[in-house]
Amino acid sequence: RQQKPPRGAASSLVIAADNSHARLAREAESSHAAAAAMRIDSKMAAALGFFLISMALGMSVLNGVHMAAMSPKPPPRQLGKLNFKMSLMPLLRRQAPTFDISLGDYKFTRNPEDQLDFSEFLSSLSPTAREFLNLQETPGNVLNSSNLMIPGRKIWVVTTASLPWRTGTSVNPTLRAAYLLRLTPAASVTLMVPWIEAIDQCKVFGSHKFTSREEQEKEIRRWLRRDAGMGDVANRLKIMFYNGRYHPDYGSIFPVEDMLALVPQGEADVAVLEEPEHLNWFHPETPEYWRKRFNHVVGIIHTNYLEYTKGYTGGVYKKYILYVLNRWLVPAHCDKVVKLSGVLQRYSTYKEEVSNVHGVRSDFLKVGDAAPRRGFKKDFYFIGKALVAKGLPRLFELMEILKNSTTPTTFHVDAFGSGPDEKKIEEMAGSKDLDVSFHPGIDHLQLQDHKTMVNPSTSEVLCTTTAEALAMGKFVVCPDHPSNAFFKQFPNCLMYNSTAQFRKQIRYAMSHDPIPLEGETRRKLTWEAATERFIQAAQVTDRVAALSWQDDYGASFHTWLGKGKKGNAVRRLAGAAPL
């Protein structure tokens, strides 16, 4: 028999049921609101994507028209009707649209495989426009604001990583700041690096190393004295921290505060932004930007983020959105853009220059000086992270072709490196029965007995290990690729662009010894020469500065774009979490 509930229980059950229904109703309402907000954000993201591309087209056309208007000579041919056609069919194949543009007799076409760049078409409008595509030939007077050799300059080197993280964006900016302090008559040089909390230190440094910024500052100064041999500037270099946060999906540190607010007004003279796109993707809601605050701003592009973006969800589309975003925000924040190699995207038709402004530490060069006397005991090696993208699979393909050819060529390779793809790479070599030995990651300076480094990677912007190997007096066998263009001038760099040439260079390395580095050839690898190249590349003429008016609008638009719901939509497009 069903037991009667105690007195008052029925009313309690009714109240509980009512509360349950109310809670469910609130949850449903909340989920509907969240879904609606997501739909709004998705629509806004799509609209912004289209708007970004339209803005880039408009700014490119304005740039071309402005340069044409400045030409002292009339265009070589009469201009006629402007026609523009765009096919969206490639989007169905996860490719970029096809563009066809004609202006009178001028015609320009871009296929899906190409980058979204109209500079070739616009450059045909006048001789002046063509002139601006090569800054080396641009006439005009160098602005004093861009001359780093004027005494009393106050230079800020701002980067996205810090020692003891041994990555290129921490080591190279630290050395650049130190050499600028040593080689220029600057009144002060300040290195501005990110400070990350304990939880992020464990991910980046491997453990919680620092409880205060002063401890990390001591570590940076110790590294300059002991490892870099720069005791003369280690104590004079100023070091400032900004708050950063490590993003594990991107493997990068992003600023989470307004860095410009940390710079005293009287100190804002010259800013060197290492990875300006990385530093400014998520610009704070402030009307100030780098070019407005500083007298001169130089951006140095380290990383090919377009290649990284392709590997993420929706990367085929995000790549082109990021391309457009970079096209306006980098020149918006920089007076001059220095690309380490030509493999990087175009950022500005009149502000950018390709120059290797990185050097090699003196301890690598000392090893190279002793190499002819010491000799080599081993032959070929590879060093780099154990990632499929780093080129080892391509090396295995070439080794297999040479092994199975009618005139077989076989050689042993010691592969040094640690990473997430270690097991997969070892299985690849084992399946082809190749003579490869695998070793954990090691300091490159310890590999003094090997004569030849084989580096088949084309994913780098400028490979640091290639420069280090050449400095150590070794041969380097690498592909003839834009990322390796700087190394082509060195006699010990053995380049190839076919399997036959690869075989020829391998055999040459087997039977010859490297040519000792001497004189100017050796000096080109030093940080002294790299700093001189940087000082030269940082210069801007009055003719180029006259074109910067449009970038002010780009900076203002970038600030506006990062606010409120618009900012969250852009962050969603870029794969970052909304604020």
Protein backbone atom coordinates (compact mmCIF):
# COMPACT_ATOMS: atom_id res chain seq x y z
CA ARG A 1 0.00 0.00 0.00
CA GLN A 2 1.35 3.44 -0.94
CA GLN A 3 2.43 5.35 2.10
CA LYS A 4 0.94 8.81 2.53
CA PRO A 5 3.39 11.63 2.59
CA PRO A 6 3.69 13.48 5.88
CA ARG A 7 1.67 16.63 6.39
CA GLY A 8 3.08 19.55 4.42
CA ALA A 9 5.08 17.28 2.11
CA ALA A 10 2.68 17.73 -0.81
CA SER A 11 3.09 21.49 -0.77
CA SER A 12 6.87 21.02 -0.50
CA LEU A 13 6.85 18.73 -3.57
CA VAL A 14 4.80 21.30 -5.49
CA ILE A 15 7.26 24.05 -4.56
CA ALA A 16 10.20 21.81 -5.48
CA ALA A 17 8.57 20.96 -8.80
CA ASP A 18 7.92 24.63 -9.45
CA ASN A 19 11.53 25.46 -8.60
CA SER A 20 12.74 22.67 -10.87
CA HIS A 21 10.61 23.93 -13.76
CA ALA A 22 11.79 27.48 -13.12
CA ARG A 23 15.40 26.34 -13.09
CA LEU A 24 14.94 24.40 -16.32
CA ALA A 25 13.22 27.39 -17.88
CA ARG A 26 16.10 29.65 -16.84
CA GLU A 27 18.67 27.18 -18.18
CA ALA A 28 16.77 26.89 -21.47
CA GLU A 29 16.53 30.66 -21.70
CA SER A 30 20.24 30.95 -20.95
CA SER A 31 21.17 28.33 -23.59
CA HIS A 32 18.94 30.06 -26.15
CA ALA A 33 20.62 33.37 -25.35
CA ALA A 34 24.07 31.79 -25.65
CA ALA A 35 23.12 30.18 -28.97
CA ALA A 36 21.75 33.50 -30.21
CA ALA A 37 24.92 35.27 -29.13
CA MET A 38 26.98 32.62 -30.91
CA ARG A 39 24.91 33.08 -34.08
CA ILE A 40 25.41 36.83 -33.82
CA ASP A 41 29.15 36.37 -33.29
CA SER A 42 29.33 33.93 -36.22
CA LYS A 43 27.47 36.36 -38.50
CA MET A 44 29.63 39.21 -37.30
CA ALA A 45 32.76 37.13 -37.84
CA ALA A 46 31.71 36.31 -41.40
CA ALA A 47 30.83 39.94 -42.09
CA LEU A 48 34.13 41.10 -40.63
CA GLY A 49 36.04 38.58 -42.75
CA PHE A 50 34.49 40.02 -45.90
CA PHE A 51 35.00 43.55 -44.58
CA LEU A 52 38.70 42.90 -43.86
CA ILE A 53 39.33 41.73 -47.41
CA SER A 54 37.40 44.70 -48.82
CA MET A 55 39.42 47.10 -46.65
CA ALA A 56 42.70 45.56 -47.83
CA LEU A 57 41.63 45.93 -51.47
CA GLY A 58 40.64 49.55 -50.91
CA MET A 59 43.87 50.40 -49.10
CA SER A 60 45.96 48.70 -51.82
CA VAL A 61 44.19 50.66 -54.55
CA LEU A 62 44.61 53.92 -52.58
CA ASN A 63 48.30 53.15 -52.17
CA GLY A 64 48.73 52.53 -55.90
CA VAL A 65 46.79 55.66 -56.88
CA HIS A 66 48.74 57.79 -54.37
CA MET A 67 52.08 56.54 -55.70
CA ALA A 68 50.94 57.10 -59.28
CA ALA A 69 49.91 60.66 -58.44
CA MET A 70 53.41 61.35 -57.09
CA SER A 71 55.07 60.24 -60.32
CA PRO A 72 56.94 63.00 -62.15
CA LYS A 73 56.30 61.20 -65.43
CA PRO A 74 52.99 60.23 -67.02
CA PRO A 75 52.05 56.51 -67.08
CA PRO A 76 53.59 54.67 -70.04
CA ARG A 77 50.18 53.85 -71.57
CA GLN A 78 46.75 55.44 -71.59
CA LEU A 79 44.54 54.12 -68.80
CA GLY A 80 41.09 52.88 -69.73
CA LYS A 81 38.10 51.31 -68.04
CA LEU A 82 38.66 49.41 -64.79
CA ASN A 83 37.25 45.86 -64.79
CA PHE A 84 37.26 43.53 -61.81
CA LYS A 85 36.05 39.92 -61.74
CA MET A 86 36.13 37.50 -58.84
CA SER A 87 35.26 33.81 -58.88
CA LEU A 88 34.09 32.26 -55.60
CA MET A 89 34.02 28.69 -56.96
CA PRO A 90 37.48 27.84 -55.52
CA LEU A 91 35.96 28.30 -52.03
CA LEU A 92 34.12 25.02 -52.58
CA ARG A 93 37.54 23.37 -52.93
CA ARG A 94 38.78 25.07 -49.74
CA GLN A 95 40.90 27.49 -51.79
CA ALA A 96 41.06 31.28 -52.11
CA PRO A 97 38.99 33.06 -54.76
CA THR A 98 40.38 33.79 -58.24
CA PHE A 99 40.75 37.46 -59.18
CA ASP A 100 40.97 39.03 -62.65
CA ILE A 101 41.67 42.75 -62.87
CA SER A 102 42.18 44.89 -65.97
CA LEU A 103 42.72 48.62 -66.29
CA GLY A 104 42.93 49.58 -69.94
CA ASP A 105 45.84 47.59 -71.37
CA TYR A 106 47.01 46.39 -67.94
CA LYS A 107 45.92 42.94 -66.87
CA PHE A 108 46.52 41.06 -63.67
CA THR A 109 45.32 37.62 -62.50
CA ARG A 110 45.68 35.79 -59.22
CA ASN A 111 45.06 32.05 -58.91
CA PRO A 112 43.93 30.23 -55.72
CA GLU A 113 47.48 29.04 -54.96
CA ASP A 114 48.82 32.60 -54.88
CA GLN A 115 48.74 35.05 -52.01
CA LEU A 116 46.16 37.81 -51.98
CA ASP A 117 48.50 40.52 -53.31
CA PHE A 118 47.80 43.17 -55.95
CA SER A 119 51.12 44.99 -55.75
CA GLU A 120 52.37 43.58 -59.09
CA PHE A 121 49.35 45.01 -60.88
CA LEU A 122 49.48 48.35 -59.07
CA SER A 123 53.22 48.67 -59.66
CA SER A 124 52.66 48.85 -63.43
CA LEU A 125 50.68 52.08 -63.11
CA SER A 126 53.74 54.37 -63.05
CA PRO A 127 57.54 54.30 -62.89
CA THR A 128 57.34 55.76 -59.38
CA ALA A 129 55.24 52.84 -58.17
CA ARG A 130 57.80 50.37 -59.54
CA GLU A 131 60.51 52.41 -57.86
CA PHE A 132 58.81 52.06 -54.48
CA LEU A 133 58.75 48.26 -54.74
CA ASN A 134 62.52 48.32 -54.25
CA LEU A 135 63.43 50.50 -51.27
CA GLN A 136 67.14 50.26 -52.15
CA GLU A 137 66.45 52.44 -55.24
CA THR A 138 63.95 54.83 -53.67
CA PRO A 139 65.20 58.44 -53.90
CA GLY A 140 64.93 60.82 -51.01
CA ASN A 141 66.76 61.97 -47.90
CA VAL A 142 67.15 59.76 -44.83
CA LEU A 143 65.10 61.10 -41.93
CA ASN A 144 67.03 61.92 -38.76
CA SER A 145 64.35 60.12 -36.76
CA SER A 146 65.40 56.85 -38.45
CA ASN A 147 69.16 57.36 -38.00
CA LEU A 148 70.22 55.18 -35.05
CA MET A 149 73.78 56.53 -35.13
CA ILE A 150 72.78 59.98 -33.87
CA PRO A 151 74.11 60.30 -30.29
CA GLY A 152 71.64 60.23 -27.41
CA ARG A 153 68.95 58.00 -28.92
CA LYS A 154 66.79 55.99 -26.49
CA ILE A 155 66.08 52.58 -28.00
CA TRP A 156 63.49 50.03 -26.87
CA VAL A 157 63.71 46.42 -28.08
CA VAL A 158 60.32 44.75 -27.47
CA THR A 159 59.90 41.00 -27.95
CA THR A 160 57.50 38.12 -27.32
CA ALA A 161 59.75 35.72 -25.36
CA SER A 162 62.45 35.86 -22.72
CA LEU A 163 65.40 33.85 -21.46
CA PRO A 164 65.82 31.22 -20.13
CA TRP A 165 63.48 30.10 -22.92
CA ARG A 166 66.03 29.30 -25.66
CA THR A 167 63.91 30.27 -28.63
CA GLY A 168 64.82 32.62 -31.50
CA THR A 169 62.50 35.39 -30.34
CA SER A 170 64.21 35.52 -26.93
CA VAL A 171 67.90 34.96 -27.79
CA ASN A 172 68.15 37.16 -30.91
CA PRO A 173 66.36 40.25 -29.50
CA THR A 174 68.47 40.03 -26.32
CA LEU A 175 71.65 39.99 -28.38
CA ARG A 176 70.33 42.75 -30.66
CA ALA A 177 69.68 45.01 -27.66
CA ALA A 178 73.15 44.28 -26.26
CA TYR A 179 74.94 44.97 -29.55
CA LEU A 180 72.96 48.17 -30.16
CA LEU A 181 74.15 49.35 -26.75
CA ARG A 182 77.73 48.37 -27.58
CA LEU A 183 77.96 49.67 -31.17
CA THR A 184 75.78 52.81 -31.25
CA PRO A 185 76.09 56.11 -29.31
CA ALA A 186 72.63 55.54 -27.80
CA ALA A 187 71.94 57.12 -24.41
CA SER A 188 70.09 53.95 -23.33
CA VAL A 189 68.81 50.63 -24.66
CA THR A 190 65.89 48.89 -22.93
CA LEU A 191 64.94 45.26 -23.47
CA MET A 192 61.19 44.76 -22.93
CA VAL A 193 60.22 41.11 -22.34
CA PRO A 194 57.14 39.22 -21.06
CA TRP A 195 56.69 38.16 -17.44
CA ILE A 196 54.61 34.99 -17.01
CA GLU A 197 53.19 33.53 -13.80
CA ALA A 198 54.17 30.21 -12.17
CA ILE A 199 51.67 28.03 -14.06
CA ASP A 200 52.97 29.30 -17.42
CA GLN A 201 56.61 29.13 -16.32
CA CYS A 202 56.18 25.38 -15.82
CA LYS A 203 54.97 25.04 -19.42
CA VAL A 204 57.62 27.28 -20.99
CA PHE A 205 60.70 26.82 -18.77
CA GLY A 206 59.92 23.30 -17.52
CA SER A 207 59.58 24.41 -13.89
CA HIS A 208 58.66 27.37 -11.69
CA LYS A 209 62.01 29.13 -11.93
CA PHE A 210 61.31 32.67 -10.75
CA THR A 211 59.23 34.09 -7.93
CA SER A 212 60.00 37.69 -8.88
CA ARG A 213 60.95 39.72 -11.92
CA GLU A 214 64.24 40.66 -10.28
CA GLU A 215 65.28 36.98 -10.26
CA GLN A 216 64.61 36.61 -13.98
CA GLU A 217 66.43 39.87 -14.70
CA LYS A 218 69.52 38.49 -12.93
CA GLU A 219 69.32 35.36 -15.08
CA ILE A 220 69.23 37.42 -18.30
CA ARG A 221 72.26 39.46 -17.20
CA ARG A 222 74.11 36.29 -16.16
CA TRP A 223 73.47 34.76 -19.61
CA LEU A 224 74.83 37.89 -21.34
CA ARG A 225 78.01 37.77 -19.25
CA ARG A 226 78.70 34.03 -19.26
CA ASP A 227 77.19 32.62 -22.49
CA ALA A 228 77.27 35.63 -24.82
CA GLY A 229 80.57 37.09 -23.56
CA MET A 230 79.09 40.60 -23.24
CA GLY A 231 80.07 41.54 -19.71
CA ASP A 232 80.74 45.13 -20.84
CA VAL A 233 77.02 45.79 -21.49
CA ALA A 234 75.32 43.20 -19.25
CA ASN A 235 74.91 45.64 -16.37
CA ARG A 236 74.22 48.76 -18.50
CA LEU A 237 71.32 47.21 -20.44
CA LYS A 238 67.93 48.22 -19.04
CA ILE A 239 65.35 45.44 -18.67
CA MET A 240 61.59 45.95 -18.29
CA PHE A 241 58.81 43.35 -18.05
CA TYR A 242 55.22 43.42 -19.29
CA ASN A 243 52.52 40.95 -18.24
CA GLY A 244 52.11 38.05 -20.66
CA ARG A 245 50.23 34.77 -20.87
CA TYR A 246 51.30 31.55 -22.57
CA HIS A 247 48.89 30.15 -25.17
CA PRO A 248 49.63 26.38 -25.46
CA ASP A 249 47.73 25.94 -28.76
CA TYR A 250 49.97 28.52 -30.44
CA GLY A 251 53.09 27.79 -28.37
CA SER A 252 53.49 31.55 -27.87
CA ILE A 253 53.27 34.27 -25.23
CA PHE A 254 50.80 37.12 -25.82
CA PRO A 255 50.78 40.47 -23.96
CA VAL A 256 47.82 41.01 -21.63
CA GLU A 257 48.37 44.67 -20.77
CA ASP A 258 48.96 47.98 -22.52
CA MET A 259 52.73 47.99 -23.10
CA LEU A 260 52.77 51.60 -24.27
CA ALA A 261 51.50 52.71 -20.86
CA LEU A 262 54.70 51.28 -19.32
CA VAL A 263 56.99 53.52 -21.39
CA PRO A 264 57.69 56.93 -19.79
CA GLN A 265 56.76 59.78 -22.13
CA GLY A 266 60.28 61.21 -22.32
CA GLU A 267 61.81 57.80 -23.10
CA ALA A 268 59.72 56.95 -26.20
CA ASP A 269 62.24 57.54 -29.00
CA VAL A 270 63.00 54.40 -31.07
CA ALA A 271 61.07 51.13 -30.80
CA VAL A 272 62.25 47.84 -32.31
CA LEU A 273 59.27 45.47 -32.40
CA GLU A 274 60.38 41.87 -32.70
CA GLU A 275 57.37 40.18 -34.34
CA PRO A 276 55.16 43.30 -34.61
CA GLU A 277 52.17 41.28 -35.85
CA HIS A 278 52.38 38.97 -32.82
CA LEU A 279 52.68 41.91 -30.41
CA ASN A 280 49.69 43.76 -31.91
CA TRP A 281 47.11 41.18 -32.97
CA PHE A 282 45.11 41.86 -29.81
CA HIS A 283 45.71 45.58 -29.37
CA PRO A 284 44.36 47.07 -26.12
CA GLU A 285 41.47 49.54 -26.18
CA THR A 286 43.64 52.64 -26.28
CA PRO A 287 43.84 55.44 -28.87
CA GLU A 288 47.66 55.27 -28.80
CA TYR A 289 49.70 53.06 -31.09
CA TRP A 290 53.45 52.54 -31.54
CA ARG A 291 54.01 55.00 -34.40
CA LYS A 292 52.06 57.69 -32.59
CA ARG A 293 54.00 57.28 -29.33
CA PHE A 294 57.55 56.76 -30.70
CA ASN A 295 59.61 58.89 -33.09
CA HIS A 296 60.62 55.82 -35.12
CA VAL A 297 59.38 52.22 -35.08
CA VAL A 298 61.08 49.27 -36.81
CA GLY A 299 59.34 45.90 -37.05
CA ILE A 300 61.34 42.69 -37.53
CA ILE A 301 59.38 39.71 -38.90
CA HIS A 302 60.66 36.39 -37.51
CA THR A 303 57.91 33.84 -38.15
CA ASN A 304 55.81 32.66 -41.09
CA TYR A 305 52.49 32.60 -39.23
CA LEU A 306 50.57 31.91 -42.45
CA GLU A 307 52.17 28.46 -42.59
CA TYR A 308 51.33 27.77 -38.94
CA THR A 309 47.71 28.92 -39.44
CA LYS A 310 47.12 26.37 -42.21
CA GLY A 311 47.45 23.58 -39.64
CA TYR A 312 44.53 24.79 -37.49
CA THR A 313 40.81 24.12 -37.93
CA GLY A 314 39.58 26.24 -40.84
CA GLY A 315 43.20 27.23 -41.50
CA VAL A 316 42.69 27.43 -45.28
CA TYR A 317 40.36 30.40 -44.74
CA LYS A 318 42.04 31.81 -41.62
CA LYS A 319 45.29 32.04 -43.59
CA TYR A 320 43.85 34.66 -45.92
CA ILE A 321 42.11 36.57 -43.14
CA LEU A 322 45.42 36.66 -41.24
CA TYR A 323 47.20 37.74 -44.42
CA VAL A 324 44.87 40.74 -44.82
CA LEU A 325 45.07 41.58 -41.10
CA ASN A 326 48.88 41.53 -41.20
CA ARG A 327 48.93 43.65 -44.36
CA TRP A 328 47.46 46.63 -42.58
CA LEU A 329 48.34 46.26 -38.89
CA VAL A 330 52.11 45.78 -39.40
CA PRO A 331 52.64 48.98 -41.46
CA ALA A 332 50.08 50.71 -39.22
CA HIS A 333 52.38 50.22 -36.23
CA CYS A 334 55.79 50.37 -37.99
CA ASP A 335 57.68 53.03 -39.95
CA LYS A 336 59.93 50.32 -41.45
CA VAL A 337 59.41 46.56 -41.80
CA VAL A 338 62.43 44.23 -41.98
CA LYS A 339 61.83 40.66 -43.16
CA LEU A 340 64.51 38.08 -42.41
CA SER A 341 63.95 36.36 -45.77
CA GLY A 342 61.83 36.58 -48.90
CA VAL A 343 59.73 33.56 -47.92
CA LEU A 344 57.50 35.80 -45.80
CA GLN A 345 54.32 37.47 -47.05
CA ARG A 346 54.32 41.05 -48.35
CA TYR A 347 53.44 43.56 -45.65
CA SER A 348 53.95 46.89 -47.40
CA THR A 349 54.92 47.86 -50.95
CA TYR A 350 56.98 50.83 -49.74
CA LYS A 351 58.02 50.15 -46.13
CA GLU A 352 59.47 46.65 -46.20
CA GLU A 353 62.98 45.37 -46.88
CA VAL A 354 64.52 41.87 -46.82
CA SER A 355 67.66 41.69 -44.71
CA ASN A 356 69.19 39.12 -42.39
CA VAL A 357 69.67 41.19 -39.25
CA HIS A 358 70.61 38.19 -37.09
CA GLY A 359 74.15 37.14 -36.27
CA VAL A 360 75.90 34.16 -34.74
CA ARG A 361 77.41 34.10 -31.25
CA SER A 362 81.19 34.40 -31.05
CA ASP A 363 81.63 30.94 -29.49
CA PHE A 364 80.42 29.29 -32.73
CA LEU A 365 82.92 31.35 -34.74
CA LYS A 366 85.75 30.34 -32.38
CA VAL A 367 84.95 26.68 -33.08
CA GLY A 368 85.10 27.47 -36.82
CA ASP A 369 88.50 29.15 -36.42
CA ALA A 370 89.91 25.98 -34.84
CA ALA A 371 88.21 23.56 -37.29
CA PRO A 372 91.04 23.41 -39.93
CA ARG A 373 93.57 22.42 -37.23
CA ARG A 374 91.23 20.05 -35.40
CA GLY A 375 89.68 18.33 -38.43
CA PHE A 376 86.48 16.28 -38.51
CA LYS A 377 85.89 12.68 -37.39
CA LYS A 378 82.30 12.18 -38.59
CA ASP A 379 80.37 13.03 -41.74
CA PHE A 380 76.66 13.95 -41.92
CA TYR A 381 74.17 15.09 -39.30
CA PHE A 382 70.80 16.81 -38.91
CA ILE A 383 69.77 18.95 -35.94
CA GLY A 384 66.32 20.36 -35.20
CA LYS A 385 63.04 19.66 -33.45
CA ALA A 386 61.58 16.22 -34.13
CA LEU A 387 58.71 17.52 -36.26
CA VAL A 388 57.55 16.19 -39.61
CA ALA A 389 57.44 19.76 -40.92
CA LYS A 390 61.17 20.28 -40.26
CA GLY A 391 62.21 18.37 -43.38
CA LEU A 392 63.40 14.93 -42.23
CA PRO A 393 60.77 13.08 -44.34
CA ARG A 394 62.12 14.89 -47.42
CA LEU A 395 65.68 13.89 -46.46
CA PHE A 396 64.54 10.26 -46.17
CA GLU A 397 62.98 10.45 -49.65
CA LEU A 398 66.24 11.74 -51.14
CA MET A 399 68.32 9.12 -49.31
CA GLU A 400 66.01 6.37 -50.59
CA ILE A 401 66.24 7.62 -54.20
CA LEU A 402 70.06 7.74 -54.03
CA LYS A 403 70.18 4.31 -52.41
CA ASN A 404 68.01 2.66 -55.09
CA SER A 405 69.51 4.44 -58.13
CA THR A 406 71.59 2.66 -60.80
CA THR A 407 74.73 4.16 -59.22
CA PRO A 408 73.85 3.92 -55.51
CA THR A 409 75.05 6.56 -53.07
CA THR A 410 74.61 5.75 -49.39
CA PHE A 411 75.67 7.71 -46.34
CA HIS A 412 75.08 7.67 -42.59
CA VAL A 413 73.18 10.51 -40.86
CA ASP A 414 73.10 11.29 -37.15
CA ALA A 415 69.75 12.98 -36.41
CA PHE A 416 69.66 15.11 -33.22
CA GLY A 417 66.38 16.44 -31.90
CA SER A 418 63.45 15.89 -29.57
CA GLY A 419 59.79 16.53 -30.21
CA PRO A 420 56.27 15.16 -30.55
CA ASP A 421 56.95 13.35 -33.85
CA GLU A 422 60.03 11.37 -32.72
CA LYS A 423 58.42 7.94 -32.97
CA LYS A 424 56.74 8.66 -36.30
CA ILE A 425 60.01 9.92 -37.83
CA GLU A 426 61.97 6.89 -36.60
CA GLU A 427 59.34 4.57 -38.10
CA MET A 428 59.62 6.39 -41.44
CA ALA A 429 63.37 5.84 -41.55
CA GLY A 430 62.98 2.21 -40.46
CA SER A 431 60.40 1.44 -43.15
CA LYS A 432 62.85 2.63 -45.83
CA ASP A 433 65.79 0.77 -44.22
CA LEU A 434 67.95 3.91 -44.13
CA ASP A 435 71.25 4.36 -42.30
CA VAL A 436 70.05 6.92 -39.73
CA SER A 437 70.83 7.07 -36.01
CA PHE A 438 68.52 9.08 -33.74
CA HIS A 439 69.72 11.06 -30.71
CA PRO A 440 68.00 13.40 -28.21
CA GLY A 441 68.21 17.16 -28.64
CA ILE A 442 71.64 18.63 -27.96
CA ASP A 443 73.38 22.01 -27.88
CA HIS A 444 74.62 22.59 -31.43
CA LEU A 445 77.94 23.83 -30.09
CA GLN A 446 78.76 20.29 -28.91
CA LEU A 447 78.64 18.83 -32.44
CA GLN A 448 82.17 19.80 -33.43
CA ASP A 449 83.25 16.44 -34.90
CA HIS A 450 80.71 16.33 -37.76
CA LYS A 451 81.79 17.80 -41.12
CA THR A 452 78.46 18.31 -42.92
CA MET A 453 75.01 19.39 -41.78
CA VAL A 454 72.14 18.31 -44.04
CA ASN A 455 69.15 20.63 -43.71
CA PRO A 456 66.34 19.88 -46.20
CA SER A 457 63.76 22.07 -44.39
CA THR A 458 61.94 24.82 -46.29
CA SER A 459 59.52 25.72 -43.47
CA GLU A 460 61.94 28.12 -41.75
CA VAL A 461 62.09 31.86 -42.35
CA LEU A 462 65.85 31.91 -41.74
CA CYS A 463 67.40 28.79 -40.26
CA THR A 464 69.58 29.62 -37.24
CA THR A 465 71.27 26.19 -37.23
CA THR A 466 72.43 26.71 -40.83
CA ALA A 467 74.17 29.96 -39.84
CA GLU A 468 75.70 28.24 -36.78
CA ALA A 469 77.00 25.30 -38.85
CA LEU A 470 78.64 27.65 -41.38
CA ALA A 471 80.18 29.63 -38.51
CA MET A 472 81.61 26.38 -37.12
CA GLY A 473 83.43 25.82 -40.42
CA LYS A 474 81.20 23.01 -41.71
CA PHE A 475 79.58 22.20 -45.03
CA VAL A 476 75.80 22.72 -45.19
CA VAL A 477 73.74 20.87 -47.81
CA CYS A 478 70.40 22.65 -48.20
CA PRO A 479 67.77 23.39 -50.90
CA ASP A 480 67.99 26.47 -53.11
CA HIS A 481 65.05 28.24 -51.49
CA PRO A 482 64.20 31.88 -50.54
CA SER A 483 64.67 31.03 -46.86
CA ASN A 484 68.32 30.14 -47.63
CA ALA A 485 69.08 33.08 -49.97
CA PHE A 486 71.42 34.78 -47.46
CA PHE A 487 73.60 31.65 -47.19
CA LYS A 488 74.14 31.35 -50.95
CA GLN A 489 77.15 33.68 -50.74
CA PHE A 490 79.15 31.28 -48.53
CA PRO A 491 81.41 28.77 -50.34
CA ASN A 492 80.67 26.01 -47.80
CA CYS A 493 76.92 26.21 -48.47
CA LEU A 494 76.17 23.46 -50.99
CA MET A 495 72.73 24.10 -52.50
CA TYR A 496 70.57 21.86 -54.65
CA ASN A 497 67.28 22.14 -56.52
CA SER A 498 67.02 18.59 -57.86
CA THR A 499 67.82 15.03 -56.83
CA ALA A 500 70.80 14.98 -59.19
CA GLN A 501 72.23 18.11 -57.60
CA PHE A 502 71.63 16.67 -54.13
CA ARG A 503 73.67 13.60 -55.08
CA LYS A 504 76.42 15.81 -56.50
CA GLN A 505 76.65 17.94 -53.33
CA ILE A 506 76.66 14.89 -51.04
CA ARG A 507 79.53 13.33 -53.01
CA TYR A 508 81.41 16.62 -53.00
CA ALA A 509 81.09 16.86 -49.20
CA MET A 510 82.33 13.28 -48.86
CA SER A 511 85.52 13.92 -50.83
CA HIS A 512 86.42 17.51 -49.86
CA ASP A 513 87.10 19.58 -46.75
CA PRO A 514 85.34 22.87 -46.00
CA ILE A 515 87.07 26.12 -46.94
CA PRO A 516 88.24 27.99 -43.80
CA LEU A 517 86.21 31.11 -42.99
CA GLU A 518 88.30 34.23 -43.35
CA GLY A 519 88.03 37.98 -43.64
CA GLU A 520 84.78 39.51 -44.83
CA THR A 521 83.14 36.10 -45.40
CA ARG A 522 83.56 35.28 -41.70
CA ARG A 523 82.53 38.77 -40.59
CA LYS A 524 79.15 38.55 -42.39
CA LEU A 525 78.06 35.94 -39.83
CA THR A 526 78.93 38.08 -36.79
CA TRP A 527 76.50 40.10 -34.70
CA GLU A 528 78.60 43.19 -35.44
CA ALA A 529 77.81 42.85 -39.18
CA ALA A 530 74.17 41.97 -38.43
CA THR A 531 73.81 45.13 -36.31
CA GLU A 532 75.27 47.24 -39.14
CA ARG A 533 72.77 45.69 -41.55
CA PHE A 534 69.97 46.46 -39.12
CA ILE A 535 71.00 50.11 -38.71
CA GLN A 536 71.03 50.44 -42.49
CA ALA A 537 67.69 48.65 -42.95
CA ALA A 538 66.02 50.77 -40.24
CA GLN A 539 66.47 53.96 -42.23
CA VAL A 540 63.47 55.68 -43.86
CA THR A 541 63.53 58.41 -46.51
CA ASP A 542 61.24 61.41 -46.61
CA ARG A 543 59.71 60.04 -49.83
CA VAL A 544 58.59 56.85 -48.06
CA ALA A 545 57.41 58.75 -44.97
CA ALA A 546 55.11 60.81 -47.21
CA LEU A 547 53.10 57.66 -47.90
CA SER A 548 52.47 56.81 -44.24
CA TRP A 549 49.29 58.91 -43.92
CA GLN A 550 47.11 55.94 -44.90
CA ASP A 551 48.65 53.77 -42.15
CA ASP A 552 47.35 56.19 -39.50
CA TYR A 553 43.83 55.29 -40.60
CA GLY A 554 44.77 51.62 -40.44
CA ALA A 555 46.00 52.00 -36.85
CA SER A 556 42.81 53.79 -35.80
CA PHE A 557 40.70 51.12 -37.48
CA HIS A 558 42.70 48.35 -35.78
CA THR A 559 42.04 49.93 -32.37
CA TRP A 560 38.31 50.25 -33.14
CA LEU A 561 38.18 46.65 -34.39
CA GLY A 562 39.43 45.28 -31.06
CA LYS A 563 36.59 46.74 -28.98
CA GLY A 564 33.53 44.97 -27.58
CA LYS A 565 31.67 42.37 -29.64
CA LYS A 566 33.69 43.24 -32.74
CA GLY A 567 36.87 42.37 -30.88
CA ASN A 568 35.46 39.03 -29.74
CA ALA A 569 34.36 38.22 -33.30
CA VAL A 570 37.87 38.93 -34.60
CA ARG A 571 39.39 36.81 -31.83
CA ARG A 572 37.02 33.98 -32.73
CA LEU A 573 38.14 34.26 -36.37
CA ALA A 574 41.77 34.09 -35.27
CA GLY A 575 41.12 31.05 -33.08
CA ALA A 576 41.62 32.88 -29.77
CA ALA A 577 39.25 32.95 -26.82
CA PRO A 578 36.89 35.96 -26.55
CA LEU A 579 37.57 38.41 -23.74
